[in-house]
Amino acid sequence: MGCKFLNMKWALGIAVLVASVGCGRGSQSQGMQESGGATRAAAPEASLEIPSLDGASVSIDHYKGKVVLVNFWATWCAPCRTEIPWLIEFNQKYGPKGLVILGVAMDDEGNKVVQPWVQSQRFDVNGDSQTMDYQILAGNTKIADKFGGILGMPTSMLYSRDGKRIKTIVGLIDHDDLSKTLDTQL
């Protein structure tokens, strides 16, 4: 009986760890990491060109003067799908105030998987069925490395109007905390 109880506790512990970590290959301890204060420097990734699903390319520099949230995600990542309705909500609430959300899809198969998925999926946003209404970009490991690498997905990075990274969130975003941060930035 004692071994079965320990095995159940061990399995429960692993399940909690996986749920808190999010999706990702080689994910490690996750949680909110913040960088800020007077030592903030301009992000080297700001000028990096990232291809969009329609073939154009985008860089954070294109959005100077806006607050930018870069969200690394994948179609197969359950926590990523959980936060998509929140990102749609944030885009609708804060977009007119100067927020830009860039979703960087990290699917290995790239555009051939991501584009049909984005076009076909609908999400419950406050009782309304909606599609992703923010820009989706095609990411890969090389692009993620230019952002300092990601430990798992989802990973979100928030940039101030002057292009400096002010917050990195590894794992599922905290809706209320991010909303408060956006209120202060916008």
N, C-alpha and C. Protein backbone atom coordinates (compact mmCIF):
# COMPACT_ATOMS: atom_id res chain seq x y z
N MET A 1 0.82 -1.20 0.00
CA MET A 1 0.00 0.00 0.00
C MET A 1 0.86 1.26 0.00
N GLY A 2 1.94 1.27 0.79
CA GLY A 2 2.81 2.43 0.87
C GLY A 2 3.44 2.76 -0.47
N CYS A 3 3.87 1.76 -1.24
CA CYS A 3 4.49 2.01 -2.56
C CYS A 3 3.48 2.58 -3.53
N LYS A 4 2.26 2.05 -3.50
CA LYS A 4 1.24 2.58 -4.41
C LYS A 4 0.96 4.04 -4.11
N PHE A 5 0.91 4.39 -2.81
CA PHE A 5 0.65 5.77 -2.42
C PHE A 5 1.79 6.68 -2.89
N LEU A 6 3.04 6.22 -2.69
CA LEU A 6 4.19 7.01 -3.14
C LEU A 6 4.20 7.16 -4.65
N ASN A 7 3.86 6.10 -5.38
CA ASN A 7 3.80 6.18 -6.85
C ASN A 7 2.73 7.17 -7.30
N MET A 8 1.58 7.17 -6.60
CA MET A 8 0.53 8.13 -6.96
C MET A 8 0.98 9.54 -6.67
N LYS A 9 1.68 9.77 -5.54
CA LYS A 9 2.19 11.10 -5.22
C LYS A 9 3.22 11.53 -6.25
N TRP A 10 4.08 10.60 -6.65
CA TRP A 10 5.11 10.90 -7.65
C TRP A 10 4.46 11.26 -8.98
N ALA A 11 3.47 10.46 -9.40
CA ALA A 11 2.78 10.72 -10.67
C ALA A 11 2.04 12.06 -10.62
N LEU A 12 1.42 12.35 -9.48
CA LEU A 12 0.72 13.63 -9.33
C LEU A 12 1.72 14.79 -9.41
N GLY A 13 2.87 14.63 -8.77
CA GLY A 13 3.91 15.65 -8.82
C GLY A 13 4.39 15.91 -10.23
N ILE A 14 4.60 14.86 -11.00
CA ILE A 14 5.01 15.00 -12.40
C ILE A 14 3.92 15.70 -13.21
N ALA A 15 2.66 15.33 -12.98
CA ALA A 15 1.56 15.97 -13.71
C ALA A 15 1.49 17.45 -13.42
N VAL A 16 1.68 17.84 -12.14
CA VAL A 16 1.67 19.25 -11.78
C VAL A 16 2.84 19.97 -12.43
N LEU A 17 4.02 19.36 -12.44
CA LEU A 17 5.19 19.97 -13.06
C LEU A 17 4.95 20.19 -14.55
N VAL A 18 4.43 19.18 -15.25
CA VAL A 18 4.17 19.32 -16.68
C VAL A 18 3.14 20.42 -16.94
N ALA A 19 2.10 20.48 -16.12
CA ALA A 19 1.08 21.51 -16.31
C ALA A 19 1.64 22.90 -16.10
N SER A 20 2.57 23.05 -15.14
CA SER A 20 3.11 24.38 -14.88
C SER A 20 4.18 24.78 -15.88
N VAL A 21 4.82 23.81 -16.49
CA VAL A 21 5.90 24.10 -17.42
C VAL A 21 5.37 24.54 -18.77
N GLY A 22 4.30 23.97 -19.22
CA GLY A 22 3.82 24.29 -20.55
C GLY A 22 4.38 23.30 -21.55
N CYS A 23 4.29 23.63 -22.80
CA CYS A 23 4.78 22.76 -23.85
C CYS A 23 6.22 23.12 -24.15
N GLY A 24 6.96 22.15 -24.57
CA GLY A 24 8.29 22.51 -25.01
C GLY A 24 9.24 21.36 -24.96
N ARG A 25 10.15 21.42 -25.86
CA ARG A 25 11.22 20.44 -25.89
C ARG A 25 12.30 20.94 -24.97
N GLY A 26 12.68 20.15 -24.01
CA GLY A 26 13.73 20.54 -23.09
C GLY A 26 13.29 21.63 -22.13
N SER A 27 12.02 21.69 -21.81
CA SER A 27 11.54 22.71 -20.89
C SER A 27 12.16 22.52 -19.52
N GLN A 28 12.46 23.62 -18.87
CA GLN A 28 12.99 23.60 -17.52
C GLN A 28 12.04 24.36 -16.64
N SER A 29 12.48 24.69 -15.44
CA SER A 29 11.57 25.38 -14.53
C SER A 29 11.04 26.65 -15.18
N GLN A 30 9.78 26.85 -15.02
CA GLN A 30 9.12 27.96 -15.69
C GLN A 30 8.56 28.91 -14.66
N GLY A 31 8.05 29.98 -15.11
CA GLY A 31 7.41 30.97 -14.27
C GLY A 31 7.65 32.32 -14.88
N MET A 32 7.27 33.33 -14.15
CA MET A 32 7.42 34.67 -14.68
C MET A 32 8.82 35.18 -14.38
N GLN A 33 9.46 35.68 -15.39
CA GLN A 33 10.76 36.30 -15.22
C GLN A 33 10.59 37.73 -15.70
N GLU A 34 11.05 38.65 -14.90
CA GLU A 34 10.92 40.04 -15.30
C GLU A 34 12.29 40.67 -15.40
N SER A 35 12.42 41.52 -16.38
CA SER A 35 13.60 42.37 -16.45
C SER A 35 13.09 43.78 -16.53
N GLY A 36 13.74 44.67 -15.89
CA GLY A 36 13.22 46.03 -15.93
C GLY A 36 14.16 46.97 -15.22
N GLY A 37 13.66 48.12 -14.88
CA GLY A 37 14.45 49.12 -14.19
C GLY A 37 15.30 49.92 -15.13
N ALA A 38 16.23 50.64 -14.56
CA ALA A 38 17.04 51.57 -15.33
C ALA A 38 18.07 50.88 -16.21
N THR A 39 18.32 49.58 -15.98
CA THR A 39 19.36 48.90 -16.74
C THR A 39 18.82 48.29 -18.04
N ARG A 40 17.60 48.53 -18.36
CA ARG A 40 17.03 47.95 -19.59
C ARG A 40 17.79 48.47 -20.80
N ALA A 41 18.10 47.58 -21.70
CA ALA A 41 18.79 47.96 -22.92
C ALA A 41 17.90 47.63 -24.11
N ALA A 42 18.16 48.28 -25.21
CA ALA A 42 17.41 47.97 -26.42
C ALA A 42 17.67 46.51 -26.77
N ALA A 43 16.65 45.83 -27.20
CA ALA A 43 16.75 44.42 -27.52
C ALA A 43 17.49 44.20 -28.83
N PRO A 44 18.49 43.32 -28.85
CA PRO A 44 19.20 43.05 -30.10
C PRO A 44 18.30 42.41 -31.15
N GLU A 45 17.22 41.78 -30.69
CA GLU A 45 16.30 41.12 -31.62
C GLU A 45 15.36 42.11 -32.30
N ALA A 46 15.41 43.38 -31.92
CA ALA A 46 14.47 44.36 -32.46
C ALA A 46 14.55 44.48 -33.98
N SER A 47 15.73 44.36 -34.54
CA SER A 47 15.86 44.52 -35.99
C SER A 47 15.76 43.20 -36.74
N LEU A 48 15.61 42.10 -36.04
CA LEU A 48 15.49 40.79 -36.67
C LEU A 48 14.23 40.74 -37.54
N GLU A 49 14.39 40.31 -38.77
CA GLU A 49 13.24 40.16 -39.67
C GLU A 49 12.67 38.76 -39.53
N ILE A 50 11.37 38.66 -39.25
CA ILE A 50 10.68 37.38 -39.08
C ILE A 50 9.62 37.28 -40.17
N PRO A 51 9.59 36.15 -40.91
CA PRO A 51 8.59 36.03 -41.99
C PRO A 51 7.18 35.87 -41.43
N SER A 52 6.23 36.52 -42.08
CA SER A 52 4.83 36.35 -41.72
C SER A 52 4.25 35.22 -42.57
N LEU A 53 3.05 34.79 -42.24
CA LEU A 53 2.43 33.70 -42.99
C LEU A 53 2.12 34.10 -44.43
N ASP A 54 1.99 35.40 -44.68
CA ASP A 54 1.68 35.84 -46.04
C ASP A 54 2.93 36.15 -46.86
N GLY A 55 4.12 35.86 -46.30
CA GLY A 55 5.35 36.02 -47.06
C GLY A 55 6.10 37.32 -46.81
N ALA A 56 5.46 38.29 -46.17
CA ALA A 56 6.15 39.54 -45.83
C ALA A 56 7.07 39.25 -44.64
N SER A 57 7.81 40.24 -44.20
CA SER A 57 8.61 40.05 -43.00
C SER A 57 8.36 41.21 -42.04
N VAL A 58 8.58 40.94 -40.77
CA VAL A 58 8.26 41.90 -39.72
C VAL A 58 9.43 41.93 -38.74
N SER A 59 9.68 43.10 -38.18
CA SER A 59 10.61 43.21 -37.06
C SER A 59 9.97 44.09 -36.00
N ILE A 60 10.44 43.95 -34.79
CA ILE A 60 9.91 44.78 -33.70
C ILE A 60 10.15 46.25 -33.99
N ASP A 61 11.25 46.56 -34.69
CA ASP A 61 11.55 47.94 -35.07
C ASP A 61 10.41 48.60 -35.85
N HIS A 62 9.65 47.79 -36.60
CA HIS A 62 8.52 48.33 -37.37
C HIS A 62 7.47 48.96 -36.45
N TYR A 63 7.51 48.61 -35.17
CA TYR A 63 6.47 49.03 -34.23
C TYR A 63 7.01 49.98 -33.16
N LYS A 64 8.07 50.70 -33.48
CA LYS A 64 8.62 51.68 -32.54
C LYS A 64 7.50 52.64 -32.17
N GLY A 65 7.39 52.94 -30.89
CA GLY A 65 6.31 53.80 -30.41
C GLY A 65 5.09 53.01 -29.94
N LYS A 66 5.10 51.70 -30.17
CA LYS A 66 4.01 50.83 -29.73
C LYS A 66 4.55 49.90 -28.66
N VAL A 67 3.66 49.35 -27.86
CA VAL A 67 4.02 48.28 -26.93
C VAL A 67 3.83 46.98 -27.70
N VAL A 68 4.84 46.11 -27.68
CA VAL A 68 4.80 44.89 -28.49
C VAL A 68 4.88 43.67 -27.58
N LEU A 69 3.97 42.74 -27.78
CA LEU A 69 3.99 41.46 -27.09
C LEU A 69 4.31 40.39 -28.12
N VAL A 70 5.46 39.74 -27.97
CA VAL A 70 5.87 38.65 -28.86
C VAL A 70 5.55 37.36 -28.14
N ASN A 71 4.71 36.52 -28.74
CA ASN A 71 4.26 35.28 -28.12
C ASN A 71 4.72 34.09 -28.95
N PHE A 72 5.65 33.30 -28.42
CA PHE A 72 6.09 32.06 -29.07
C PHE A 72 5.12 30.96 -28.70
N TRP A 73 4.58 30.28 -29.72
CA TRP A 73 3.54 29.28 -29.50
C TRP A 73 3.63 28.21 -30.58
N ALA A 74 2.81 27.17 -30.46
CA ALA A 74 2.71 26.12 -31.49
C ALA A 74 1.29 25.58 -31.51
N THR A 75 0.88 25.08 -32.65
CA THR A 75 -0.49 24.56 -32.79
C THR A 75 -0.73 23.35 -31.89
N TRP A 76 0.30 22.58 -31.59
CA TRP A 76 0.18 21.36 -30.79
C TRP A 76 0.29 21.62 -29.29
N CYS A 77 0.52 22.83 -28.88
CA CYS A 77 0.78 23.18 -27.48
C CYS A 77 -0.53 23.56 -26.78
N ALA A 78 -0.98 22.72 -25.84
CA ALA A 78 -2.24 22.97 -25.14
C ALA A 78 -2.25 24.28 -24.36
N PRO A 79 -1.22 24.60 -23.56
CA PRO A 79 -1.25 25.90 -22.88
C PRO A 79 -1.27 27.08 -23.85
N CYS A 80 -0.62 26.92 -25.00
CA CYS A 80 -0.65 27.98 -26.02
C CYS A 80 -2.08 28.22 -26.48
N ARG A 81 -2.81 27.13 -26.73
CA ARG A 81 -4.20 27.26 -27.17
C ARG A 81 -5.08 27.85 -26.06
N THR A 82 -4.71 27.60 -24.81
CA THR A 82 -5.46 28.16 -23.68
C THR A 82 -5.35 29.68 -23.68
N GLU A 83 -4.16 30.22 -23.97
CA GLU A 83 -4.00 31.67 -23.86
C GLU A 83 -4.36 32.44 -25.13
N ILE A 84 -4.61 31.77 -26.24
CA ILE A 84 -4.98 32.47 -27.48
C ILE A 84 -6.22 33.35 -27.29
N PRO A 85 -7.29 32.87 -26.64
CA PRO A 85 -8.44 33.77 -26.44
C PRO A 85 -8.08 35.02 -25.63
N TRP A 86 -7.16 34.88 -24.68
CA TRP A 86 -6.73 36.03 -23.88
C TRP A 86 -5.97 37.01 -24.76
N LEU A 87 -5.14 36.49 -25.66
CA LEU A 87 -4.39 37.37 -26.56
C LEU A 87 -5.33 38.10 -27.51
N ILE A 88 -6.36 37.41 -27.98
CA ILE A 88 -7.36 38.06 -28.83
C ILE A 88 -8.05 39.18 -28.03
N GLU A 89 -8.41 38.87 -26.79
CA GLU A 89 -9.05 39.87 -25.92
C GLU A 89 -8.12 41.07 -25.70
N PHE A 90 -6.84 40.81 -25.40
CA PHE A 90 -5.88 41.90 -25.20
C PHE A 90 -5.74 42.74 -26.47
N ASN A 91 -5.71 42.07 -27.61
CA ASN A 91 -5.57 42.79 -28.88
C ASN A 91 -6.76 43.73 -29.10
N GLN A 92 -7.95 43.26 -28.79
CA GLN A 92 -9.14 44.08 -28.97
C GLN A 92 -9.21 45.23 -27.96
N LYS A 93 -8.79 44.94 -26.72
CA LYS A 93 -8.86 45.96 -25.67
C LYS A 93 -7.73 46.98 -25.78
N TYR A 94 -6.51 46.51 -26.03
CA TYR A 94 -5.34 47.38 -25.97
C TYR A 94 -4.78 47.77 -27.34
N GLY A 95 -5.20 47.08 -28.39
CA GLY A 95 -4.71 47.43 -29.74
C GLY A 95 -4.96 48.89 -30.09
N PRO A 96 -6.16 49.40 -29.85
CA PRO A 96 -6.41 50.81 -30.15
C PRO A 96 -5.57 51.78 -29.31
N LYS A 97 -5.03 51.29 -28.19
CA LYS A 97 -4.20 52.13 -27.32
C LYS A 97 -2.71 52.01 -27.66
N GLY A 98 -2.36 51.13 -28.61
CA GLY A 98 -0.96 51.04 -29.01
C GLY A 98 -0.30 49.70 -28.78
N LEU A 99 -1.05 48.64 -28.48
CA LEU A 99 -0.47 47.31 -28.32
C LEU A 99 -0.43 46.59 -29.66
N VAL A 100 0.69 45.93 -29.94
CA VAL A 100 0.83 45.05 -31.10
C VAL A 100 1.19 43.67 -30.57
N ILE A 101 0.44 42.65 -30.98
CA ILE A 101 0.75 41.27 -30.61
C ILE A 101 1.27 40.55 -31.83
N LEU A 102 2.43 39.92 -31.67
CA LEU A 102 3.03 39.12 -32.73
C LEU A 102 3.11 37.68 -32.24
N GLY A 103 2.35 36.79 -32.86
CA GLY A 103 2.39 35.38 -32.50
C GLY A 103 3.43 34.69 -33.37
N VAL A 104 4.46 34.12 -32.77
CA VAL A 104 5.53 33.45 -33.52
C VAL A 104 5.29 31.95 -33.41
N ALA A 105 4.76 31.36 -34.48
CA ALA A 105 4.43 29.94 -34.52
C ALA A 105 5.71 29.11 -34.68
N MET A 106 5.92 28.17 -33.78
CA MET A 106 7.15 27.39 -33.74
C MET A 106 6.97 25.96 -34.24
N ASP A 107 5.91 25.70 -34.98
CA ASP A 107 5.69 24.36 -35.53
C ASP A 107 6.80 24.00 -36.50
N ASP A 108 7.36 22.79 -36.37
CA ASP A 108 8.44 22.35 -37.24
C ASP A 108 8.03 22.34 -38.72
N GLU A 109 6.75 22.05 -38.98
CA GLU A 109 6.27 21.96 -40.36
C GLU A 109 6.03 23.33 -40.98
N GLY A 110 6.07 24.38 -40.17
CA GLY A 110 5.96 25.74 -40.67
C GLY A 110 4.60 26.10 -41.21
N ASN A 111 4.63 26.95 -42.24
CA ASN A 111 3.44 27.57 -42.80
C ASN A 111 2.41 26.56 -43.29
N LYS A 112 2.84 25.42 -43.82
CA LYS A 112 1.87 24.45 -44.38
C LYS A 112 0.95 23.88 -43.30
N VAL A 113 1.37 23.90 -42.04
CA VAL A 113 0.53 23.45 -40.94
C VAL A 113 -0.13 24.65 -40.24
N VAL A 114 0.64 25.70 -40.03
CA VAL A 114 0.18 26.83 -39.23
C VAL A 114 -0.93 27.61 -39.93
N GLN A 115 -0.76 27.95 -41.19
CA GLN A 115 -1.75 28.79 -41.87
C GLN A 115 -3.15 28.15 -41.90
N PRO A 116 -3.28 26.87 -42.30
CA PRO A 116 -4.64 26.29 -42.28
C PRO A 116 -5.21 26.21 -40.86
N TRP A 117 -4.34 25.96 -39.87
CA TRP A 117 -4.80 25.88 -38.49
C TRP A 117 -5.33 27.23 -38.03
N VAL A 118 -4.57 28.29 -38.30
CA VAL A 118 -4.98 29.64 -37.90
C VAL A 118 -6.30 30.02 -38.57
N GLN A 119 -6.44 29.68 -39.83
CA GLN A 119 -7.66 30.03 -40.57
C GLN A 119 -8.88 29.25 -40.12
N SER A 120 -8.69 28.03 -39.62
CA SER A 120 -9.84 27.18 -39.29
C SER A 120 -10.25 27.23 -37.82
N GLN A 121 -9.35 27.59 -36.94
CA GLN A 121 -9.65 27.55 -35.51
C GLN A 121 -10.44 28.77 -35.05
N ARG A 122 -11.38 28.49 -34.16
CA ARG A 122 -12.15 29.56 -33.55
C ARG A 122 -12.02 29.41 -32.04
N PHE A 123 -12.04 30.54 -31.34
CA PHE A 123 -11.81 30.55 -29.90
C PHE A 123 -12.92 31.32 -29.20
N ASP A 124 -13.30 30.86 -28.02
CA ASP A 124 -14.32 31.51 -27.23
C ASP A 124 -13.68 32.71 -26.51
N VAL A 125 -14.05 33.89 -26.94
CA VAL A 125 -13.56 35.13 -26.34
C VAL A 125 -14.76 35.82 -25.71
N ASN A 126 -14.87 35.67 -24.40
CA ASN A 126 -15.99 36.26 -23.66
C ASN A 126 -17.35 35.90 -24.26
N GLY A 127 -17.50 34.61 -24.62
CA GLY A 127 -18.76 34.12 -25.15
C GLY A 127 -18.95 34.28 -26.64
N ASP A 128 -17.97 34.84 -27.33
CA ASP A 128 -18.06 35.06 -28.77
C ASP A 128 -17.01 34.21 -29.47
N SER A 129 -17.38 33.48 -30.50
CA SER A 129 -16.47 32.63 -31.25
C SER A 129 -15.68 33.48 -32.25
N GLN A 130 -14.34 33.52 -32.08
CA GLN A 130 -13.51 34.40 -32.91
C GLN A 130 -12.26 33.67 -33.40
N THR A 131 -11.70 34.20 -34.48
CA THR A 131 -10.42 33.70 -34.99
C THR A 131 -9.30 34.57 -34.42
N MET A 132 -8.08 34.10 -34.58
CA MET A 132 -6.92 34.88 -34.12
C MET A 132 -6.88 36.16 -34.94
N ASP A 133 -6.83 37.30 -34.26
CA ASP A 133 -6.92 38.59 -34.95
C ASP A 133 -5.63 39.40 -34.85
N TYR A 134 -4.56 38.75 -34.47
CA TYR A 134 -3.25 39.41 -34.40
C TYR A 134 -2.31 38.72 -35.38
N GLN A 135 -1.22 39.37 -35.68
CA GLN A 135 -0.32 38.89 -36.72
C GLN A 135 0.42 37.63 -36.28
N ILE A 136 0.43 36.64 -37.18
CA ILE A 136 1.12 35.38 -36.92
C ILE A 136 2.35 35.31 -37.82
N LEU A 137 3.48 35.00 -37.19
CA LEU A 137 4.75 34.91 -37.89
C LEU A 137 5.26 33.47 -37.85
N ALA A 138 6.13 33.12 -38.79
CA ALA A 138 6.69 31.77 -38.87
C ALA A 138 8.04 31.75 -38.18
N GLY A 139 8.10 31.08 -37.04
CA GLY A 139 9.33 31.03 -36.27
C GLY A 139 10.07 29.73 -36.44
N ASN A 140 11.26 29.69 -35.89
CA ASN A 140 12.08 28.48 -35.83
C ASN A 140 13.10 28.67 -34.71
N THR A 141 13.91 27.67 -34.48
CA THR A 141 14.89 27.73 -33.39
C THR A 141 15.87 28.88 -33.57
N LYS A 142 16.28 29.12 -34.81
CA LYS A 142 17.24 30.21 -35.09
C LYS A 142 16.64 31.57 -34.68
N ILE A 143 15.38 31.77 -35.00
CA ILE A 143 14.70 33.02 -34.62
C ILE A 143 14.56 33.10 -33.11
N ALA A 144 14.15 32.00 -32.47
CA ALA A 144 14.00 31.99 -31.01
C ALA A 144 15.34 32.30 -30.34
N ASP A 145 16.42 31.77 -30.89
CA ASP A 145 17.75 32.03 -30.32
C ASP A 145 18.10 33.52 -30.37
N LYS A 146 17.64 34.22 -31.41
CA LYS A 146 17.90 35.66 -31.51
C LYS A 146 17.19 36.44 -30.40
N PHE A 147 16.16 35.84 -29.82
CA PHE A 147 15.44 36.44 -28.70
C PHE A 147 16.02 35.97 -27.37
N GLY A 148 17.13 35.26 -27.42
CA GLY A 148 17.75 34.74 -26.20
C GLY A 148 17.37 33.30 -25.91
N GLY A 149 16.66 32.67 -26.84
CA GLY A 149 16.22 31.29 -26.65
C GLY A 149 14.95 31.23 -25.83
N ILE A 150 14.25 30.13 -25.99
CA ILE A 150 13.03 29.91 -25.20
C ILE A 150 13.15 28.54 -24.55
N LEU A 151 12.69 28.46 -23.31
CA LEU A 151 12.76 27.21 -22.56
C LEU A 151 11.59 26.29 -22.87
N GLY A 152 10.50 26.84 -23.28
CA GLY A 152 9.31 26.07 -23.58
C GLY A 152 8.26 26.99 -24.15
N MET A 153 7.13 26.42 -24.47
CA MET A 153 6.04 27.22 -25.03
C MET A 153 4.81 27.05 -24.17
N PRO A 154 4.07 28.10 -24.06
CA PRO A 154 4.29 29.42 -24.63
C PRO A 154 5.37 30.21 -23.86
N THR A 155 5.99 31.12 -24.57
CA THR A 155 6.88 32.11 -23.98
C THR A 155 6.50 33.45 -24.59
N SER A 156 6.30 34.44 -23.74
CA SER A 156 5.91 35.77 -24.21
C SER A 156 6.91 36.80 -23.72
N MET A 157 7.22 37.76 -24.60
CA MET A 157 8.14 38.84 -24.27
C MET A 157 7.46 40.16 -24.56
N LEU A 158 7.46 41.04 -23.57
CA LEU A 158 6.80 42.32 -23.69
C LEU A 158 7.84 43.42 -23.85
N TYR A 159 7.65 44.27 -24.86
CA TYR A 159 8.56 45.37 -25.17
C TYR A 159 7.84 46.69 -24.98
N SER A 160 8.55 47.65 -24.40
CA SER A 160 8.00 48.98 -24.18
C SER A 160 7.95 49.77 -25.49
N ARG A 161 7.37 50.93 -25.43
CA ARG A 161 7.25 51.78 -26.61
C ARG A 161 8.61 52.16 -27.19
N ASP A 162 9.65 52.15 -26.36
CA ASP A 162 10.99 52.49 -26.84
C ASP A 162 11.78 51.26 -27.28
N GLY A 163 11.11 50.10 -27.39
CA GLY A 163 11.74 48.91 -27.93
C GLY A 163 12.56 48.10 -26.95
N LYS A 164 12.43 48.38 -25.66
CA LYS A 164 13.19 47.64 -24.65
C LYS A 164 12.33 46.54 -24.04
N ARG A 165 12.93 45.36 -23.88
CA ARG A 165 12.19 44.25 -23.28
C ARG A 165 12.00 44.55 -21.80
N ILE A 166 10.73 44.49 -21.37
CA ILE A 166 10.44 44.78 -19.97
C ILE A 166 9.96 43.57 -19.20
N LYS A 167 9.54 42.53 -19.90
CA LYS A 167 9.03 41.34 -19.20
C LYS A 167 9.13 40.14 -20.12
N THR A 168 9.52 39.01 -19.52
CA THR A 168 9.49 37.72 -20.22
C THR A 168 8.66 36.78 -19.37
N ILE A 169 7.69 36.14 -19.98
CA ILE A 169 6.82 35.21 -19.29
C ILE A 169 7.02 33.85 -19.93
N VAL A 170 7.53 32.91 -19.15
CA VAL A 170 7.77 31.55 -19.63
C VAL A 170 6.65 30.69 -19.08
N GLY A 171 5.91 30.05 -19.97
CA GLY A 171 4.73 29.28 -19.58
C GLY A 171 3.48 30.12 -19.80
N LEU A 172 2.39 29.62 -19.33
CA LEU A 172 1.09 30.26 -19.49
C LEU A 172 1.09 31.65 -18.85
N ILE A 173 0.61 32.63 -19.60
CA ILE A 173 0.55 33.99 -19.05
C ILE A 173 -0.47 34.04 -17.92
N ASP A 174 -0.26 34.96 -17.00
CA ASP A 174 -1.24 35.24 -15.95
C ASP A 174 -2.08 36.40 -16.50
N HIS A 175 -3.31 36.11 -16.86
CA HIS A 175 -4.19 37.08 -17.51
C HIS A 175 -4.25 38.39 -16.75
N ASP A 176 -4.53 38.31 -15.46
CA ASP A 176 -4.73 39.54 -14.67
C ASP A 176 -3.42 40.32 -14.52
N ASP A 177 -2.31 39.61 -14.29
CA ASP A 177 -1.02 40.28 -14.13
C ASP A 177 -0.61 40.99 -15.43
N LEU A 178 -0.77 40.30 -16.56
CA LEU A 178 -0.40 40.92 -17.83
C LEU A 178 -1.32 42.09 -18.14
N SER A 179 -2.60 41.97 -17.81
CA SER A 179 -3.53 43.06 -18.02
C SER A 179 -3.11 44.30 -17.21
N LYS A 180 -2.69 44.08 -15.96
CA LYS A 180 -2.22 45.22 -15.14
C LYS A 180 -0.97 45.83 -15.74
N THR A 181 -0.05 45.00 -16.21
CA THR A 181 1.17 45.52 -16.82
C THR A 181 0.83 46.33 -18.07
N LEU A 182 -0.07 45.82 -18.90
CA LEU A 182 -0.47 46.55 -20.10
C LEU A 182 -1.14 47.87 -19.75
N ASP A 183 -1.93 47.88 -18.68
CA ASP A 183 -2.56 49.13 -18.24
C ASP A 183 -1.50 50.18 -17.91
N THR A 184 -0.39 49.76 -17.29
CA THR A 184 0.65 50.72 -16.93
C THR A 184 1.46 51.16 -18.15
N GLN A 185 1.57 50.32 -19.16
CA GLN A 185 2.37 50.65 -20.34
C GLN A 185 1.59 51.45 -21.39
N LEU A 186 0.28 51.31 -21.36
CA LEU A 186 -0.55 51.97 -22.36
C LEU A 186 -1.35 53.06 -21.70
